[in-house]
Structures are given as C-alpha cells and as structure tokens.
C-alpha cells in the first residue's frame, strides 16, 4: 500500500500535528511506502497526488478539514481516509462522510458525535491516538525532576498537581481550583500548576482563573504558566508532577492524559468523552462524574465551515457541547492521591503498563494500516 499522510507538516507542537506525525512515523517504521505532507493546498501536495499516485491519502484533522483532506484527493482520483476529531459538533459535509469507504475517529465518543450530527457511522472505526512511549516514560533522574519543581517555586515537601492545555479552563482548571479549595481545608502541602500555550483565548480564560483562585484564597497555591514547550520538555514536566489532573469540559481523546499515564502518573479526569475510554477508574486514575451538561439549541456556523455565509444553525433537539466535572468527586480523588503515597505509586505503575499496552503509536499505526488494507482490498 502506497500512502501519503496529510497533517501539519513539518510537525508542530499541537496534538493534531503530533497525531499525524506519529501515524506517518509508525507506517514508515513498518516498511510501508509512505510520505508526509501538509494538508493545505500546495505544489508539493499536488505533485504527490498527481504524479506519485498513492493508493490512500490519510488525513488528520477535524470535520472542517474535509475540503483539504477529503475533496482534494478525490478530485485527483485518490482514496481519502480521514482520522478525525469532531471539534464539538459536525456542522457540515455529512454527504461527503457518507461516501467514504473507511474513516477513523479518535474515540468511540467522537464516532457517536458524528452519528448524532447526521453522519452514517457504519464505515467509521474508532481509533485512539498513539503516543511515543519511549519518549513519555518514567524518569530515571529524580534530581532533574526536582529542579523543575524548584524553578516553579514548589518546595520539596509539597505535592505538585499539573494541568496542561491550549487553555487550561477547557481542561477543567476552574473545577480543579474549586476542588482544591476544599482539599486545602485538610491538606495544605500542594501546589497546582496550570500551564497553557500563548494565545489570546488562553489569556482571556487565565484572567477568570486568576480571579477564581484569589476569591478562594488560593492566590499563592496556584501557579500560572504560559509558555511553549518541546515534547522532550513536556515529558520532563509530566515526570516532575505527582498527579496529572484534567477533568476536561470537552475532550475527544485527551492525548496529554495518556502521555501522563505513560510517564507513570495517575490521572484525574471526567467520566465522559475520550477520557472515559482511556483512563481505568480506580486503576490508572480516577474519573469524576459529570455534574453538568452544557446544551445548546443553536450555534453559529461560518464560511470557514463550508457555509455560504455566517448564519445560525438551529438544532432539532439540544446538543451537548461540554460538561462540568463534579467538584466533590474531584476533591475526594485529589485528596486521596495527595495523601496516600503508596496508592499514587501503585496507580502510576498501572498507568504506565496500560499506556504501553494500548497506546504505543506503532500499535495504532499498524491497526490503521491493517484495517485500511482490509476495507479497501489493498496489499
């Protein structure tokens, strides 16, 4: 099978780009005839499709990337195989999805989102994202990990909780801050690090997080960090923490939660969406129940989504666009992991084993290749 993989290439430090790069890398390591290419229209992309004529054009993104990842290969007689997230809802391109021979989604929850939004999912296969378990692994140098904590202003006796995201509010930081205010009544030797990427959106949410932390008397307990890290340093950050927490409001998969498990860290998340499929409750971490669903009966759609003009799309029935984790559950699980060292270590060990067995990018890439060959009748 000759293939090309469309994603943000050369790889960037966002989850979608890394998802695509590890798919390409895994296929190449299997000995597959495969090339990487940016999904945007370019001379390079045209050359690959027109002259190299791959059997398959894999594409990583979300439903809004249909023009570049589905329609573009089809226009040159190449079979597209998307591996998509939903980005909350599937507003358009249902006909294009129904005509595909095979498609992958990053979780069963994402697959069900496509069904909810009018796509026939008979040809959709849920496939979790692979990670590099040799890069994200337990540290062999605790002295270097301690230096990271020191740089953050965390004392040796204090436990570190970490949340990472493009913005941390969407990863459940506000719910965690509220839970930690309750934890602080019984256990005070902790610091909470909220690490986001530089962006206007993250900055706007950060203001709300700051206000919340101050209102709860946690101004000196919550550390806000805005920075860009390489994958190598992100592995160091994960190894420096004691608990990774991300009870996300919206999460199709949760790549960094799996990376945290691969580093031997127990993860606190929410029993919905992608995390409910990747974290084993009471074994590799804890899943808080959802206390609230955010439902909308209409939403804005834009030309960038394939619509002719900006407009409001009204739904036949309200759609769930986000969740809020139960604060009391988060409080109980966090307190337990902060105060029971043996339990935290035991869960971290199980988390590493779970990640190695189920999320190695080589396993995922082989599964995608095998299923694609089978569905398309390729060698």
Protein backbone atom coordinates (compact mmCIF):
# COMPACT_ATOMS: atom_id res chain seq x y z
CA UNK A 1 0.00 0.00 0.00
CA UNK A 2 1.40 3.34 -1.08
CA UNK A 3 0.14 6.26 1.00
CA UNK A 4 0.58 9.89 1.93
CA UNK A 5 -0.30 11.35 5.33
CA UNK A 6 -1.75 14.87 5.40
CA UNK A 7 -1.25 16.84 8.61
CA UNK A 8 0.55 19.99 9.80
CA UNK A 9 3.97 19.01 8.47
CA UNK A 10 6.75 19.66 9.43
CA UNK A 11 5.27 18.67 12.80
CA UNK A 12 4.22 21.37 15.23
CA UNK A 13 3.68 21.05 18.98
CA UNK A 14 -0.10 20.72 18.81
CA UNK A 15 -1.90 17.46 19.37
CA UNK A 16 -3.30 17.10 15.85
CA UNK A 17 0.07 17.62 14.21
CA UNK A 18 1.72 15.13 16.56
CA UNK A 19 -1.09 12.65 15.91
CA UNK A 20 -0.37 12.84 12.19
CA UNK A 21 3.39 12.69 12.58
CA UNK A 22 3.27 9.57 14.73
CA UNK A 23 0.93 7.94 12.21
CA UNK A 24 3.43 8.69 9.44
CA UNK A 25 6.36 7.56 11.59
CA UNK A 26 4.61 4.32 12.56
CA UNK A 27 3.75 3.49 8.96
CA UNK A 28 7.31 4.21 7.84
CA UNK A 29 8.77 2.02 10.58
CA UNK A 30 6.57 -0.85 9.37
CA UNK A 31 8.23 -0.56 5.96
CA UNK A 32 5.18 0.99 4.33
CA UNK A 33 5.67 3.18 1.23
CA UNK A 34 4.53 6.44 2.83
CA UNK A 35 5.27 10.17 2.62
CA UNK A 36 4.28 13.09 4.90
CA UNK A 37 2.75 16.30 3.52
CA UNK A 38 0.99 19.38 4.85
CA UNK A 39 -2.75 19.19 4.29
CA UNK A 40 -3.01 22.71 2.82
CA UNK A 41 -3.05 23.12 -0.94
CA UNK A 42 0.45 23.45 -2.39
CA UNK A 43 2.61 22.42 -5.31
CA UNK A 44 4.08 19.68 -3.14
CA UNK A 45 0.66 18.27 -2.32
CA UNK A 46 -0.42 18.43 -5.97
CA UNK A 47 2.77 16.65 -7.04
CA UNK A 48 2.27 13.82 -4.55
CA UNK A 49 -1.35 13.26 -5.57
CA UNK A 50 -0.99 13.74 -9.32
CA UNK A 51 2.34 12.10 -10.07
CA UNK A 52 3.13 9.65 -7.23
CA UNK A 53 -0.49 8.46 -7.20
CA UNK A 54 -0.73 6.87 -3.72
CA UNK A 55 -3.38 4.25 -3.07
CA UNK A 56 -4.52 6.11 0.03
CA UNK A 57 -4.37 9.67 1.36
CA UNK A 58 -4.60 9.52 5.14
CA UNK A 59 -5.56 12.84 6.71
CA UNK A 60 -5.55 14.04 10.31
CA UNK A 61 -7.75 16.91 11.47
CA UNK A 62 -11.45 17.55 12.10
CA UNK A 63 -14.60 17.72 10.00
CA UNK A 64 -13.80 21.28 8.88
CA UNK A 65 -10.77 19.92 7.02
CA UNK A 66 -12.93 17.98 4.54
CA UNK A 67 -12.02 20.27 1.58
CA UNK A 68 -8.27 19.69 2.05
CA UNK A 69 -8.29 16.09 3.31
CA UNK A 70 -11.27 14.51 1.53
CA UNK A 71 -12.31 16.57 -1.50
CA UNK A 72 -8.79 17.38 -2.69
CA UNK A 73 -7.57 13.75 -3.01
CA UNK A 74 -10.89 12.70 -4.54
CA UNK A 75 -10.52 15.35 -7.25
CA UNK A 76 -7.39 13.51 -8.39
CA UNK A 77 -8.77 10.01 -8.10
CA UNK A 78 -7.07 9.17 -4.78
CA UNK A 79 -8.96 7.44 -1.95
CA UNK A 80 -9.09 9.60 1.20
CA UNK A 81 -9.03 8.00 4.66
CA UNK A 82 -9.58 10.67 7.36
CA UNK A 83 -8.69 10.21 11.03
CA UNK A 84 -10.78 12.95 12.56
CA UNK A 85 -11.91 14.55 15.77
CA UNK A 86 -15.27 16.34 15.85
CA UNK A 87 -14.37 19.70 17.43
CA UNK A 88 -17.61 19.67 19.42
CA UNK A 89 -20.08 19.13 16.59
CA UNK A 90 -20.21 18.18 12.91
CA UNK A 91 -21.86 21.12 11.21
CA UNK A 92 -21.34 20.17 7.57
CA UNK A 93 -20.09 17.66 4.97
CA UNK A 94 -22.39 14.81 6.03
CA UNK A 95 -22.77 13.71 2.38
CA UNK A 96 -19.01 13.61 1.90
CA UNK A 97 -18.59 11.45 5.01
CA UNK A 98 -21.32 9.06 3.89
CA UNK A 99 -19.48 8.46 0.60
CA UNK A 100 -16.20 7.42 2.23
CA UNK A 101 -15.15 3.77 2.13
CA UNK A 102 -13.47 3.91 5.55
CA UNK A 103 -12.82 6.60 8.17
CA UNK A 104 -11.32 6.70 11.65
CA UNK A 105 -12.30 8.81 14.66
CA UNK A 106 -10.13 9.42 17.72
CA UNK A 107 -12.62 7.73 20.07
CA UNK A 108 -15.98 5.98 20.16
CA UNK A 109 -17.38 9.15 21.72
CA UNK A 110 -16.30 11.14 18.65
CA UNK A 111 -17.83 8.45 16.43
CA UNK A 112 -21.13 8.88 18.27
CA UNK A 113 -20.89 12.65 17.82
CA UNK A 114 -20.81 12.11 14.05
CA UNK A 115 -23.88 9.88 14.37
CA UNK A 116 -25.68 12.48 16.49
CA UNK A 117 -24.99 15.09 13.83
CA UNK A 118 -26.35 13.14 10.90
CA UNK A 119 -23.48 11.01 9.59
CA UNK A 120 -23.91 7.31 8.79
CA UNK A 121 -21.22 5.77 11.01
CA UNK A 122 -21.24 2.23 9.57
CA UNK A 123 -17.88 2.85 7.88
CA UNK A 124 -16.34 4.75 10.80
CA UNK A 125 -13.84 2.92 13.01
CA UNK A 126 -12.85 4.42 16.40
CA UNK A 127 -9.06 4.51 16.76
CA UNK A 128 -7.30 6.07 19.75
CA UNK A 129 -4.28 8.28 19.14
CA UNK A 130 -0.86 6.72 19.54
CA UNK A 131 1.93 8.23 21.61
CA UNK A 132 5.68 7.69 21.80
CA UNK A 133 6.04 5.52 24.90
CA UNK A 134 9.84 5.71 24.65
CA UNK A 135 9.78 9.49 24.95
CA UNK A 136 6.99 9.64 27.50
CA UNK A 137 8.23 7.25 30.17
CA UNK A 138 9.04 7.36 33.89
CA UNK A 139 12.11 9.48 34.64
CA UNK A 140 15.42 7.92 35.58
CA UNK A 141 16.71 11.19 37.04
CA UNK A 142 14.67 12.45 40.02
CA UNK A 143 17.27 15.17 40.67
CA UNK A 144 16.45 16.83 37.33
CA UNK A 145 12.72 16.49 38.04
CA UNK A 146 13.24 18.23 41.37
CA UNK A 147 14.90 21.13 39.58
CA UNK A 148 11.74 21.70 37.54
CA UNK A 149 9.71 21.92 40.75
CA UNK A 150 12.26 24.31 42.21
CA UNK A 151 12.02 26.57 39.16
CA UNK A 152 8.25 26.66 39.63
CA UNK A 153 8.61 27.64 43.28
CA UNK A 154 7.42 24.29 44.62
CA UNK A 155 9.13 23.17 47.83
CA UNK A 156 10.48 19.60 48.23
CA UNK A 157 7.74 18.59 50.69
CA UNK A 158 4.93 19.93 48.51
CA UNK A 159 2.98 17.75 46.07
CA UNK A 160 2.51 19.05 42.53
CA UNK A 161 -0.71 18.81 40.52
CA UNK A 162 -0.48 19.70 36.83
CA UNK A 163 -2.97 20.65 34.12
CA UNK A 164 -1.80 21.44 30.56
CA UNK A 165 -3.76 22.73 27.59
CA UNK A 166 -4.04 25.32 24.87
CA UNK A 167 -6.06 26.96 27.61
CA UNK A 168 -6.48 25.23 30.94
CA UNK A 169 -10.10 26.20 31.54
CA UNK A 170 -11.27 23.83 28.78
CA UNK A 171 -9.22 21.14 30.55
CA UNK A 172 -11.20 21.64 33.76
CA UNK A 173 -8.87 24.01 35.65
CA UNK A 174 -11.72 26.01 37.18
CA UNK A 175 -13.32 22.84 38.51
CA UNK A 176 -9.93 21.73 39.89
CA UNK A 177 -9.37 25.09 41.62
CA UNK A 178 -12.75 24.80 43.32
CA UNK A 179 -11.96 21.23 44.38
CA UNK A 180 -8.52 22.22 45.68
CA UNK A 181 -10.09 24.91 47.84
CA UNK A 182 -11.84 22.04 49.65
CA UNK A 183 -8.69 19.89 49.69
CA UNK A 184 -6.82 22.77 51.31
CA UNK A 185 -9.02 22.55 54.38
CA UNK A 186 -7.46 19.17 55.19
CA UNK A 187 -4.12 19.04 53.33
CA UNK A 188 -2.05 22.14 52.59
CA UNK A 189 1.23 20.84 51.18
CA UNK A 190 0.41 21.16 47.50
CA UNK A 191 0.78 23.48 44.53
CA UNK A 192 -1.33 23.47 41.37
CA UNK A 193 0.37 24.32 38.06
CA UNK A 194 -1.84 25.49 35.17
CA UNK A 195 0.25 25.52 32.02
CA UNK A 196 -1.22 26.99 28.80
CA UNK A 197 0.09 27.91 25.38
CA UNK A 198 0.41 31.61 24.46
CA UNK A 199 -2.82 32.77 22.81
CA UNK A 200 -5.49 35.41 23.16
CA UNK A 201 -8.05 32.77 24.14
CA UNK A 202 -5.80 31.36 26.86
CA UNK A 203 -5.09 34.85 28.17
CA UNK A 204 -8.79 35.69 28.44
CA UNK A 205 -9.57 32.49 30.33
CA UNK A 206 -6.50 32.97 32.51
CA UNK A 207 -7.97 36.18 33.89
CA UNK A 208 -11.04 34.27 35.05
CA UNK A 209 -8.88 31.54 36.60
CA UNK A 210 -6.81 34.15 38.46
CA UNK A 211 -9.95 35.80 39.82
CA UNK A 212 -11.31 32.44 40.94
CA UNK A 213 -8.09 31.43 42.69
CA UNK A 214 -7.91 34.78 44.52
CA UNK A 215 -11.58 34.65 45.54
CA UNK A 216 -10.98 31.21 47.12
CA UNK A 217 -7.84 32.28 48.95
CA UNK A 218 -5.53 30.23 46.72
CA UNK A 219 -3.54 33.03 45.11
CA UNK A 220 -0.24 31.60 46.42
CA UNK A 221 -1.18 27.97 45.79
CA UNK A 222 -1.96 28.11 42.06
CA UNK A 223 0.91 28.71 39.64
CA UNK A 224 0.00 30.02 36.19
CA UNK A 225 2.49 29.31 33.43
CA UNK A 226 2.21 30.42 29.80
CA UNK A 227 4.97 29.02 27.64
CA UNK A 228 5.81 26.87 24.61
CA UNK A 229 7.48 23.54 25.38
CA UNK A 230 9.01 20.88 23.19
CA UNK A 231 7.82 17.30 23.53
CA UNK A 232 11.07 16.50 25.31
CA UNK A 233 10.49 19.13 27.98
CA UNK A 234 6.81 18.26 28.27
CA UNK A 235 7.88 14.75 29.24
CA UNK A 236 10.11 16.32 31.90
CA UNK A 237 7.16 18.41 33.19
CA UNK A 238 4.96 15.33 33.44
CA UNK A 239 7.67 13.44 35.30
CA UNK A 240 8.02 16.33 37.74
CA UNK A 241 4.38 16.27 38.78
CA UNK A 242 2.80 13.97 41.34
CA UNK A 243 -0.70 13.97 39.89
CA UNK A 244 -1.96 14.95 36.46
CA UNK A 245 -5.45 16.46 36.52
CA UNK A 246 -7.66 17.30 33.54
CA UNK A 247 -11.41 16.89 34.12
CA UNK A 248 -11.94 18.37 30.66
CA UNK A 249 -15.06 20.20 29.63
CA UNK A 250 -14.71 18.92 26.06
CA UNK A 251 -12.22 16.21 25.06
CA UNK A 252 -12.41 13.90 22.05
CA UNK A 253 -9.40 11.89 23.18
CA UNK A 254 -7.03 13.53 25.68
CA UNK A 255 -3.52 12.96 24.33
CA UNK A 256 -1.60 14.51 27.21
CA UNK A 257 -3.60 12.48 29.73
CA UNK A 258 -2.32 9.33 28.02
CA UNK A 259 1.21 10.79 27.94
CA UNK A 260 0.95 11.42 31.67
CA UNK A 261 -0.03 7.80 32.24
CA UNK A 262 2.91 6.70 30.10
CA UNK A 263 5.15 8.70 32.46
CA UNK A 264 3.76 6.69 35.37
CA UNK A 265 1.41 9.34 36.74
CA UNK A 266 -2.16 8.75 37.95
CA UNK A 267 -4.67 10.92 36.11
CA UNK A 268 -7.80 12.61 37.42
CA UNK A 269 -10.34 13.28 34.70
CA UNK A 270 -14.05 13.06 33.89
CA UNK A 271 -16.18 10.00 33.18
CA UNK A 272 -17.27 11.29 29.78
CA UNK A 273 -15.92 11.60 26.24
CA UNK A 274 -12.44 10.35 25.35
CA UNK A 275 -11.07 10.12 28.92
CA UNK A 276 -13.75 7.57 29.83
CA UNK A 277 -12.22 5.30 27.16
CA UNK A 278 -8.55 5.75 28.07
CA UNK A 279 -8.37 6.01 31.89
CA UNK A 280 -9.21 2.98 34.01
CA UNK A 281 -11.16 4.23 37.02
CA UNK A 282 -9.53 3.29 40.34
CA UNK A 283 -6.66 1.56 38.49
CA UNK A 284 -4.77 4.17 36.44
CA UNK A 285 -6.55 7.18 37.87
CA UNK A 286 -9.98 8.48 38.77
CA UNK A 287 -12.94 9.59 36.66
CA UNK A 288 -15.22 12.15 38.29
CA UNK A 289 -18.86 12.05 37.34
CA UNK A 290 -20.30 14.86 35.25
CA UNK A 291 -22.28 17.29 37.39
CA UNK A 292 -23.49 19.41 34.49
CA UNK A 293 -24.03 19.25 30.74
CA UNK A 294 -23.86 22.39 28.64
CA UNK A 295 -26.51 22.04 25.92
CA UNK A 296 -27.28 24.42 23.08
CA UNK A 297 -30.28 24.54 20.78
CA UNK A 298 -28.48 26.60 18.14
CA UNK A 299 -24.95 27.63 17.17
CA UNK A 300 -23.14 29.93 14.77
CA UNK A 301 -21.78 28.49 11.52
CA UNK A 302 -19.26 30.29 9.32
CA UNK A 303 -17.95 30.24 5.73
CA UNK A 304 -14.80 28.52 7.05
CA UNK A 305 -17.09 25.60 7.91
CA UNK A 306 -18.25 25.30 4.30
CA UNK A 307 -21.32 27.51 4.61
CA UNK A 308 -22.03 30.27 2.09
CA UNK A 309 -22.38 32.89 4.81
CA UNK A 310 -22.28 33.38 8.55
CA UNK A 311 -25.52 32.02 9.98
CA UNK A 312 -27.16 30.45 13.00
CA UNK A 313 -27.92 26.75 12.72
CA UNK A 314 -30.91 25.69 14.82
CA UNK A 315 -30.96 22.11 16.10
CA UNK A 316 -33.94 19.77 16.09
CA UNK A 317 -33.04 18.90 19.69
CA UNK A 318 -30.42 20.43 22.03
CA UNK A 319 -26.83 19.19 21.57
CA UNK A 320 -24.36 18.66 24.39
CA UNK A 321 -21.33 20.86 23.76
CA UNK A 322 -19.48 20.46 27.06
CA UNK A 323 -19.50 19.00 30.57
CA UNK A 324 -18.53 20.13 34.06
CA UNK A 325 -16.99 17.58 36.45
CA UNK A 326 -18.39 17.06 39.94
CA UNK A 327 -16.40 19.18 42.41
CA UNK A 328 -16.88 16.81 45.34
CA UNK A 329 -15.58 13.86 43.32
CA UNK A 330 -12.54 15.88 42.27
CA UNK A 331 -11.93 16.87 45.87
CA UNK A 332 -12.12 13.28 47.13
CA UNK A 333 -9.90 11.82 44.41
CA UNK A 334 -7.30 14.57 44.63
CA UNK A 335 -7.07 14.36 48.42
CA UNK A 336 -6.69 10.59 48.21
CA UNK A 337 -3.80 10.77 45.72
CA UNK A 338 -2.05 13.60 47.56
CA UNK A 339 -2.12 11.88 50.94
CA UNK A 340 -1.68 8.18 50.06
CA UNK A 341 1.80 7.80 48.61
CA UNK A 342 1.64 4.03 48.09
CA UNK A 343 -1.66 4.30 46.23
CA UNK A 344 -0.29 7.06 43.99
CA UNK A 345 2.77 4.98 43.12
CA UNK A 346 0.68 1.84 42.53
CA UNK A 347 -1.69 3.69 40.21
CA UNK A 348 1.23 5.29 38.38
CA UNK A 349 2.77 1.88 37.73
CA UNK A 350 -0.55 0.56 36.40
CA UNK A 351 -0.94 3.68 34.27
CA UNK A 352 2.43 3.09 32.60
CA UNK A 353 1.57 -0.55 31.87
CA UNK A 354 -1.83 0.48 30.44
CA UNK A 355 -0.28 3.12 28.16
CA UNK A 356 2.43 0.78 26.87
CA UNK A 357 -0.07 -1.96 26.09
CA UNK A 358 -2.72 0.16 24.41
CA UNK A 359 -1.36 3.46 23.10
CA UNK A 360 2.05 2.83 21.54
CA UNK A 361 1.98 4.69 18.18
CA UNK A 362 3.44 1.63 16.45
CA UNK A 363 0.46 -0.48 17.50
CA UNK A 364 -2.02 2.21 16.46
CA UNK A 365 -0.36 2.78 13.06
CA UNK A 366 -0.37 -0.94 12.31
CA UNK A 367 -4.04 -1.19 13.23
CA UNK A 368 -4.89 1.70 10.91
CA UNK A 369 -2.86 0.17 8.06
CA UNK A 370 -4.37 -3.31 8.53
CA UNK A 371 -7.96 -2.05 8.68
CA UNK A 372 -7.44 0.24 5.67
CA UNK A 373 -5.95 -2.56 3.56
CA UNK A 374 -8.78 -4.89 4.53
CA UNK A 375 -11.56 -2.39 3.83
CA UNK A 376 -10.07 -1.22 0.53
CA UNK A 377 -8.77 -4.57 -0.68
CA UNK A 378 -5.13 -3.44 -0.80
CA UNK A 379 -1.88 -5.36 -0.29
